[in-house]
Full PDB file with SEQRES, HELIX, SHEET, SSBOND, CRYST1, ORIGX, SCALE, CONECT and MASTER records, all heavy atoms in Angstrom:
SEQRES   1 A   30  ARG GLY GLU GLY VAL ASP ASP LEU LEU GLY GLN THR ILE          
SEQRES   2 A   30  ARG PHE ASP GLU ARG ALA VAL GLY GLY ASP ALA ASP TYR          
SEQRES   3 A   30  ALA ASN PHE MET                                              
HELIX    1 AA1 VAL A    5  ALA A   19  1                                  15    
HELIX    2 AA2 ALA A   24  PHE A   29  1                                   6    
CRYST1    1.000    1.000    1.000  90.00  90.00  90.00 P 1           1          
ORIGX1      1.000000  0.000000  0.000000        0.00000                         
ORIGX2      0.000000  1.000000  0.000000        0.00000                         
ORIGX3      0.000000  0.000000  1.000000        0.00000                         
SCALE1      1.000000  0.000000  0.000000        0.00000                         
SCALE2      0.000000  1.000000  0.000000        0.00000                         
SCALE3      0.000000  0.000000  1.000000        0.00000                         
ATOM      1  N   ARG A   1       4.209   5.942  56.855  1.00  0.00           N  
ATOM      2  CA  ARG A   1       5.566   5.958  57.386  1.00  0.00           C  
ATOM      3  C   ARG A   1       6.036   4.535  57.646  1.00  0.00           C  
ATOM      4  O   ARG A   1       5.331   3.719  58.219  1.00  0.00           O  
ATOM      5  CB  ARG A   1       5.613   6.758  58.687  1.00  0.00           C  
ATOM      6  CG  ARG A   1       5.444   8.257  58.459  1.00  0.00           C  
ATOM      7  CD  ARG A   1       5.369   9.011  59.763  1.00  0.00           C  
ATOM      8  NE  ARG A   1       5.142  10.435  59.519  1.00  0.00           N  
ATOM      9  CZ  ARG A   1       4.764  11.288  60.445  1.00  0.00           C  
ATOM     10  NH1 ARG A   1       4.538  10.882  61.681  1.00  0.00           N  
ATOM     11  NH2 ARG A   1       4.589  12.561  60.167  1.00  0.00           N  
ATOM     12  N   GLY A   2       7.230   4.246  57.191  1.00  0.00           N  
ATOM     13  CA  GLY A   2       7.809   2.940  57.451  1.00  0.00           C  
ATOM     14  C   GLY A   2       7.445   1.893  56.421  1.00  0.00           C  
ATOM     15  O   GLY A   2       7.959   0.786  56.457  1.00  0.00           O  
ATOM     16  N   GLU A   3       6.559   2.222  55.478  1.00  0.00           N  
ATOM     17  CA  GLU A   3       6.222   1.240  54.455  1.00  0.00           C  
ATOM     18  C   GLU A   3       7.335   1.165  53.415  1.00  0.00           C  
ATOM     19  O   GLU A   3       7.955   2.156  53.067  1.00  0.00           O  
ATOM     20  CB  GLU A   3       4.915   1.618  53.761  1.00  0.00           C  
ATOM     21  CG  GLU A   3       3.697   1.422  54.633  1.00  0.00           C  
ATOM     22  CD  GLU A   3       2.417   1.539  53.812  1.00  0.00           C  
ATOM     23  OE1 GLU A   3       2.523   1.649  52.583  1.00  0.00           O  
ATOM     24  OE2 GLU A   3       1.341   1.515  54.421  1.00  0.00           O  
ATOM     25  N   GLY A   4       7.572  -0.027  52.899  1.00  0.00           N  
ATOM     26  CA  GLY A   4       8.573  -0.192  51.862  1.00  0.00           C  
ATOM     27  C   GLY A   4       8.098   0.384  50.540  1.00  0.00           C  
ATOM     28  O   GLY A   4       6.907   0.413  50.256  1.00  0.00           O  
ATOM     29  N   VAL A   5       9.047   0.836  49.754  1.00  0.00           N  
ATOM     30  CA  VAL A   5       8.701   1.434  48.469  1.00  0.00           C  
ATOM     31  C   VAL A   5       7.993   0.427  47.574  1.00  0.00           C  
ATOM     32  O   VAL A   5       7.017   0.751  46.898  1.00  0.00           O  
ATOM     33  CB  VAL A   5       9.959   1.989  47.772  1.00  0.00           C  
ATOM     34  CG1 VAL A   5       9.612   2.502  46.382  1.00  0.00           C  
ATOM     35  CG2 VAL A   5      10.589   3.087  48.603  1.00  0.00           C  
ATOM     36  N   ASP A   6       8.470  -0.830  47.549  1.00  0.00           N  
ATOM     37  CA  ASP A   6       7.854  -1.843  46.695  1.00  0.00           C  
ATOM     38  C   ASP A   6       6.391  -2.052  47.068  1.00  0.00           C  
ATOM     39  O   ASP A   6       5.520  -2.166  46.208  1.00  0.00           O  
ATOM     40  CB  ASP A   6       8.609  -3.172  46.810  1.00  0.00           C  
ATOM     41  CG  ASP A   6       9.988  -3.093  46.169  1.00  0.00           C  
ATOM     42  OD1 ASP A   6      10.203  -2.179  45.354  1.00  0.00           O  
ATOM     43  OD2 ASP A   6      10.839  -3.943  46.491  1.00  0.00           O  
ATOM     44  N   ASP A   7       6.128  -2.086  48.367  1.00  0.00           N  
ATOM     45  CA  ASP A   7       4.747  -2.273  48.815  1.00  0.00           C  
ATOM     46  C   ASP A   7       3.898  -1.070  48.423  1.00  0.00           C  
ATOM     47  O   ASP A   7       2.746  -1.208  48.005  1.00  0.00           O  
ATOM     48  CB  ASP A   7       4.711  -2.470  50.331  1.00  0.00           C  
ATOM     49  CG  ASP A   7       3.306  -2.726  50.838  1.00  0.00           C  
ATOM     50  OD1 ASP A   7       2.659  -3.653  50.326  1.00  0.00           O  
ATOM     51  OD2 ASP A   7       2.858  -1.996  51.729  1.00  0.00           O  
ATOM     52  N   LEU A   8       4.479   0.120  48.556  1.00  0.00           N  
ATOM     53  CA  LEU A   8       3.768   1.328  48.198  1.00  0.00           C  
ATOM     54  C   LEU A   8       3.424   1.341  46.713  1.00  0.00           C  
ATOM     55  O   LEU A   8       2.309   1.651  46.310  1.00  0.00           O  
ATOM     56  CB  LEU A   8       4.614   2.557  48.547  1.00  0.00           C  
ATOM     57  CG  LEU A   8       3.930   3.924  48.436  1.00  0.00           C  
ATOM     58  CD1 LEU A   8       2.775   4.010  49.426  1.00  0.00           C  
ATOM     59  CD2 LEU A   8       4.927   5.026  48.703  1.00  0.00           C  
ATOM     60  N   LEU A   9       4.386   0.960  45.883  1.00  0.00           N  
ATOM     61  CA  LEU A   9       4.138   0.902  44.447  1.00  0.00           C  
ATOM     62  C   LEU A   9       3.100  -0.164  44.123  1.00  0.00           C  
ATOM     63  O   LEU A   9       2.280   0.003  43.212  1.00  0.00           O  
ATOM     64  CB  LEU A   9       5.445   0.620  43.697  1.00  0.00           C  
ATOM     65  CG  LEU A   9       6.459   1.773  43.694  1.00  0.00           C  
ATOM     66  CD1 LEU A   9       7.775   1.317  43.083  1.00  0.00           C  
ATOM     67  CD2 LEU A   9       5.910   2.969  42.934  1.00  0.00           C  
ATOM     68  N   GLY A  10       3.151  -1.261  44.871  1.00  0.00           N  
ATOM     69  CA  GLY A  10       2.149  -2.301  44.673  1.00  0.00           C  
ATOM     70  C   GLY A  10       0.750  -1.779  44.950  1.00  0.00           C  
ATOM     71  O   GLY A  10      -0.199  -2.067  44.219  1.00  0.00           O  
ATOM     72  N   GLN A  11       0.626  -1.004  46.031  1.00  0.00           N  
ATOM     73  CA  GLN A  11      -0.663  -0.397  46.342  1.00  0.00           C  
ATOM     74  C   GLN A  11      -1.086   0.537  45.228  1.00  0.00           C  
ATOM     75  O   GLN A  11      -2.249   0.570  44.823  1.00  0.00           O  
ATOM     76  CB  GLN A  11      -0.581   0.389  47.648  1.00  0.00           C  
ATOM     77  CG  GLN A  11      -0.434  -0.463  48.893  1.00  0.00           C  
ATOM     78  CD  GLN A  11      -0.519   0.405  50.129  1.00  0.00           C  
ATOM     79  OE1 GLN A  11      -1.470   1.147  50.298  1.00  0.00           O  
ATOM     80  NE2 GLN A  11       0.493   0.334  50.976  1.00  0.00           N  
ATOM     81  N   THR A  12      -0.140   1.317  44.723  1.00  0.00           N  
ATOM     82  CA  THR A  12      -0.445   2.271  43.660  1.00  0.00           C  
ATOM     83  C   THR A  12      -1.003   1.554  42.440  1.00  0.00           C  
ATOM     84  O   THR A  12      -1.992   1.973  41.850  1.00  0.00           O  
ATOM     85  CB  THR A  12       0.819   3.063  43.266  1.00  0.00           C  
ATOM     86  OG1 THR A  12       1.318   3.748  44.408  1.00  0.00           O  
ATOM     87  CG2 THR A  12       0.506   4.058  42.167  1.00  0.00           C  
ATOM     88  N   ILE A  13      -0.365   0.443  42.063  1.00  0.00           N  
ATOM     89  CA  ILE A  13      -0.829  -0.323  40.906  1.00  0.00           C  
ATOM     90  C   ILE A  13      -2.240  -0.859  41.149  1.00  0.00           C  
ATOM     91  O   ILE A  13      -3.118  -0.771  40.292  1.00  0.00           O  
ATOM     92  CB  ILE A  13       0.140  -1.481  40.602  1.00  0.00           C  
ATOM     93  CG1 ILE A  13       1.485  -0.915  40.113  1.00  0.00           C  
ATOM     94  CG2 ILE A  13      -0.454  -2.421  39.558  1.00  0.00           C  
ATOM     95  CD1 ILE A  13       2.585  -1.943  40.050  1.00  0.00           C  
ATOM     96  N   ARG A  14      -2.469  -1.385  42.349  1.00  0.00           N  
ATOM     97  CA  ARG A  14      -3.789  -1.928  42.637  1.00  0.00           C  
ATOM     98  C   ARG A  14      -4.857  -0.841  42.600  1.00  0.00           C  
ATOM     99  O   ARG A  14      -5.957  -1.051  42.086  1.00  0.00           O  
ATOM    100  CB  ARG A  14      -3.780  -2.626  43.999  1.00  0.00           C  
ATOM    101  CG  ARG A  14      -2.984  -3.928  44.002  1.00  0.00           C  
ATOM    102  CD  ARG A  14      -3.280  -4.756  45.240  1.00  0.00           C  
ATOM    103  NE  ARG A  14      -2.889  -4.083  46.471  1.00  0.00           N  
ATOM    104  CZ  ARG A  14      -1.659  -4.122  46.984  1.00  0.00           C  
ATOM    105  NH1 ARG A  14      -0.696  -4.771  46.351  1.00  0.00           N  
ATOM    106  NH2 ARG A  14      -1.386  -3.516  48.114  1.00  0.00           N  
ATOM    107  N   PHE A  15      -4.539   0.336  43.160  1.00  0.00           N  
ATOM    108  CA  PHE A  15      -5.519   1.410  43.151  1.00  0.00           C  
ATOM    109  C   PHE A  15      -5.696   2.002  41.763  1.00  0.00           C  
ATOM    110  O   PHE A  15      -6.761   2.472  41.404  1.00  0.00           O  
ATOM    111  CB  PHE A  15      -5.142   2.495  44.164  1.00  0.00           C  
ATOM    112  CG  PHE A  15      -5.400   2.082  45.570  1.00  0.00           C  
ATOM    113  CD1 PHE A  15      -4.380   2.019  46.497  1.00  0.00           C  
ATOM    114  CD2 PHE A  15      -6.678   1.736  45.982  1.00  0.00           C  
ATOM    115  CE1 PHE A  15      -4.620   1.620  47.799  1.00  0.00           C  
ATOM    116  CE2 PHE A  15      -6.932   1.334  47.278  1.00  0.00           C  
ATOM    117  CZ  PHE A  15      -5.900   1.276  48.190  1.00  0.00           C  
ATOM    118  N   ASP A  16      -4.625   1.964  40.936  1.00  0.00           N  
ATOM    119  CA  ASP A  16      -4.759   2.383  39.541  1.00  0.00           C  
ATOM    120  C   ASP A  16      -5.808   1.516  38.853  1.00  0.00           C  
ATOM    121  O   ASP A  16      -6.629   2.001  38.073  1.00  0.00           O  
ATOM    122  CB  ASP A  16      -3.422   2.238  38.805  1.00  0.00           C  
ATOM    123  CG  ASP A  16      -2.660   3.554  38.743  1.00  0.00           C  
ATOM    124  OD1 ASP A  16      -3.318   4.589  38.614  1.00  0.00           O  
ATOM    125  OD2 ASP A  16      -1.431   3.528  38.837  1.00  0.00           O  
ATOM    126  N   GLU A  17      -5.765   0.202  39.139  1.00  0.00           N  
ATOM    127  CA  GLU A  17      -6.709  -0.711  38.516  1.00  0.00           C  
ATOM    128  C   GLU A  17      -8.131  -0.415  38.980  1.00  0.00           C  
ATOM    129  O   GLU A  17      -9.078  -0.467  38.193  1.00  0.00           O  
ATOM    130  CB  GLU A  17      -6.328  -2.146  38.859  1.00  0.00           C  
ATOM    131  CG  GLU A  17      -5.022  -2.603  38.194  1.00  0.00           C  
ATOM    132  CD  GLU A  17      -4.557  -3.946  38.710  1.00  0.00           C  
ATOM    133  OE1 GLU A  17      -5.113  -4.430  39.718  1.00  0.00           O  
ATOM    134  OE2 GLU A  17      -3.636  -4.530  38.105  1.00  0.00           O  
ATOM    135  N   ARG A  18      -8.278  -0.043  40.261  1.00  0.00           N  
ATOM    136  CA  ARG A  18      -9.603   0.269  40.780  1.00  0.00           C  
ATOM    137  C   ARG A  18     -10.130   1.575  40.205  1.00  0.00           C  
ATOM    138  O   ARG A  18     -11.326   1.769  40.058  1.00  0.00           O  
ATOM    139  CB  ARG A  18      -9.574   0.366  42.295  1.00  0.00           C  
ATOM    140  CG  ARG A  18      -9.330  -0.944  43.006  1.00  0.00           C  
ATOM    141  CD  ARG A  18      -9.544  -0.811  44.491  1.00  0.00           C  
ATOM    142  NE  ARG A  18     -10.925  -0.420  44.771  1.00  0.00           N  
ATOM    143  CZ  ARG A  18     -11.378  -0.160  46.001  1.00  0.00           C  
ATOM    144  NH1 ARG A  18     -10.572  -0.230  47.020  1.00  0.00           N  
ATOM    145  NH2 ARG A  18     -12.636   0.172  46.195  1.00  0.00           N  
ATOM    146  N   ALA A  19      -9.208   2.491  39.887  1.00  0.00           N  
ATOM    147  CA  ALA A  19      -9.620   3.821  39.453  1.00  0.00           C  
ATOM    148  C   ALA A  19     -10.388   3.802  38.144  1.00  0.00           C  
ATOM    149  O   ALA A  19     -11.122   4.733  37.844  1.00  0.00           O  
ATOM    150  CB  ALA A  19      -8.401   4.730  39.320  1.00  0.00           C  
ATOM    151  N   VAL A  20     -10.221   2.733  37.333  1.00  0.00           N  
ATOM    152  CA  VAL A  20     -10.948   2.656  36.064  1.00  0.00           C  
ATOM    153  C   VAL A  20     -12.289   1.966  36.256  1.00  0.00           C  
ATOM    154  O   VAL A  20     -13.055   1.836  35.307  1.00  0.00           O  
ATOM    155  CB  VAL A  20     -10.128   1.912  34.981  1.00  0.00           C  
ATOM    156  CG1 VAL A  20      -8.827   2.634  34.728  1.00  0.00           C  
ATOM    157  CG2 VAL A  20      -9.864   0.461  35.378  1.00  0.00           C  
ATOM    158  N   GLY A  21     -12.560   1.509  37.464  1.00  0.00           N  
ATOM    159  CA  GLY A  21     -13.824   0.840  37.727  1.00  0.00           C  
ATOM    160  C   GLY A  21     -14.870   1.804  38.259  1.00  0.00           C  
ATOM    161  O   GLY A  21     -14.865   2.991  37.964  1.00  0.00           O  
ATOM    162  N   GLY A  22     -15.769   1.268  39.072  1.00  0.00           N  
ATOM    163  CA  GLY A  22     -16.888   2.081  39.534  1.00  0.00           C  
ATOM    164  C   GLY A  22     -16.642   2.798  40.835  1.00  0.00           C  
ATOM    165  O   GLY A  22     -17.564   3.355  41.427  1.00  0.00           O  
ATOM    166  N   ASP A  23     -15.429   2.796  41.315  1.00  0.00           N  
ATOM    167  CA  ASP A  23     -15.141   3.398  42.609  1.00  0.00           C  
ATOM    168  C   ASP A  23     -14.052   4.451  42.448  1.00  0.00           C  
ATOM    169  O   ASP A  23     -13.101   4.523  43.210  1.00  0.00           O  
ATOM    170  CB  ASP A  23     -14.688   2.308  43.582  1.00  0.00           C  
ATOM    171  CG  ASP A  23     -14.966   2.691  45.035  1.00  0.00           C  
ATOM    172  OD1 ASP A  23     -15.707   3.647  45.269  1.00  0.00           O  
ATOM    173  OD2 ASP A  23     -14.431   2.009  45.916  1.00  0.00           O  
ATOM    174  N   ALA A  24     -14.188   5.287  41.432  1.00  0.00           N  
ATOM    175  CA  ALA A  24     -13.108   6.179  41.033  1.00  0.00           C  
ATOM    176  C   ALA A  24     -12.777   7.214  42.090  1.00  0.00           C  
ATOM    177  O   ALA A  24     -11.617   7.603  42.241  1.00  0.00           O  
ATOM    178  CB  ALA A  24     -13.457   6.866  39.715  1.00  0.00           C  
ATOM    179  N   ASP A  25     -13.775   7.683  42.822  1.00  0.00           N  
ATOM    180  CA  ASP A  25     -13.480   8.691  43.838  1.00  0.00           C  
ATOM    181  C   ASP A  25     -12.561   8.115  44.917  1.00  0.00           C  
ATOM    182  O   ASP A  25     -11.537   8.695  45.271  1.00  0.00           O  
ATOM    183  CB  ASP A  25     -14.760   9.259  44.453  1.00  0.00           C  
ATOM    184  CG  ASP A  25     -15.709   8.194  44.980  1.00  0.00           C  
ATOM    185  OD1 ASP A  25     -15.416   6.999  44.808  1.00  0.00           O  
ATOM    186  OD2 ASP A  25     -16.745   8.569  45.549  1.00  0.00           O  
ATOM    187  N   TYR A  26     -12.917   6.936  45.412  1.00  0.00           N  
ATOM    188  CA  TYR A  26     -12.111   6.266  46.442  1.00  0.00           C  
ATOM    189  C   TYR A  26     -10.686   6.032  45.952  1.00  0.00           C  
ATOM    190  O   TYR A  26      -9.705   6.378  46.605  1.00  0.00           O  
ATOM    191  CB  TYR A  26     -12.771   4.942  46.800  1.00  0.00           C  
ATOM    192  CG  TYR A  26     -12.031   4.101  47.815  1.00  0.00           C  
ATOM    193  CD1 TYR A  26     -12.342   4.156  49.168  1.00  0.00           C  
ATOM    194  CD2 TYR A  26     -11.020   3.233  47.410  1.00  0.00           C  
ATOM    195  CE1 TYR A  26     -11.662   3.381  50.084  1.00  0.00           C  
ATOM    196  CE2 TYR A  26     -10.332   2.456  48.325  1.00  0.00           C  
ATOM    197  CZ  TYR A  26     -10.671   2.529  49.656  1.00  0.00           C  
ATOM    198  OH  TYR A  26      -9.994   1.757  50.557  1.00  0.00           O  
ATOM    199  N   ALA A  27     -10.568   5.423  44.772  1.00  0.00           N  
ATOM    200  CA  ALA A  27      -9.254   5.043  44.265  1.00  0.00           C  
ATOM    201  C   ALA A  27      -8.367   6.252  44.030  1.00  0.00           C  
ATOM    202  O   ALA A  27      -7.180   6.251  44.365  1.00  0.00           O  
ATOM    203  CB  ALA A  27      -9.411   4.252  42.963  1.00  0.00           C  
ATOM    204  N   ASN A  28      -8.927   7.319  43.467  1.00  0.00           N  
ATOM    205  CA  ASN A  28      -8.117   8.487  43.157  1.00  0.00           C  
ATOM    206  C   ASN A  28      -7.720   9.265  44.407  1.00  0.00           C  
ATOM    207  O   ASN A  28      -6.622   9.817  44.469  1.00  0.00           O  
ATOM    208  CB  ASN A  28      -8.853   9.380  42.162  1.00  0.00           C  
ATOM    209  CG  ASN A  28      -8.794   8.828  40.755  1.00  0.00           C  
ATOM    210  OD1 ASN A  28      -7.719   8.623  40.208  1.00  0.00           O  
ATOM    211  ND2 ASN A  28      -9.942   8.563  40.155  1.00  0.00           N  
ATOM    212  N   PHE A  29      -8.597   9.315  45.410  1.00  0.00           N  
ATOM    213  CA  PHE A  29      -8.193   9.912  46.681  1.00  0.00           C  
ATOM    214  C   PHE A  29      -7.002   9.156  47.263  1.00  0.00           C  
ATOM    215  O   PHE A  29      -6.036   9.745  47.752  1.00  0.00           O  
ATOM    216  CB  PHE A  29      -9.350   9.890  47.694  1.00  0.00           C  
ATOM    217  CG  PHE A  29     -10.254  11.075  47.624  1.00  0.00           C  
ATOM    218  CD1 PHE A  29     -11.622  10.920  47.493  1.00  0.00           C  
ATOM    219  CD2 PHE A  29      -9.755  12.370  47.720  1.00  0.00           C  
ATOM    220  CE1 PHE A  29     -12.475  12.009  47.437  1.00  0.00           C  
ATOM    221  CE2 PHE A  29     -10.595  13.471  47.671  1.00  0.00           C  
ATOM    222  CZ  PHE A  29     -11.956  13.285  47.522  1.00  0.00           C  
ATOM    223  N   MET A  30      -7.083   7.832  47.212  1.00  0.00           N  
ATOM    224  CA  MET A  30      -6.005   7.016  47.761  1.00  0.00           C  
ATOM    225  C   MET A  30      -4.711   7.231  46.988  1.00  0.00           C  
ATOM    226  O   MET A  30      -3.632   7.372  47.565  1.00  0.00           O  
ATOM    227  CB  MET A  30      -6.402   5.534  47.714  1.00  0.00           C  
ATOM    228  CG  MET A  30      -7.549   5.170  48.622  1.00  0.00           C  
ATOM    229  SD  MET A  30      -7.079   5.185  50.365  1.00  0.00           S  
ATOM    230  CE  MET A  30      -6.200   3.649  50.490  1.00  0.00           C  
TER     231      MET A  30                                                      
MASTER        0    0    0    2    0    0    0    6  230    1    0    3          
END                                                                             
């Protein structure tokens, strides 16, 4: 709540990058 959309999308991109690595469960939950 209260987070900006740009920041949220930035997080999404970063977690997308993590999801292809060795921590897929964490990244995809996020």
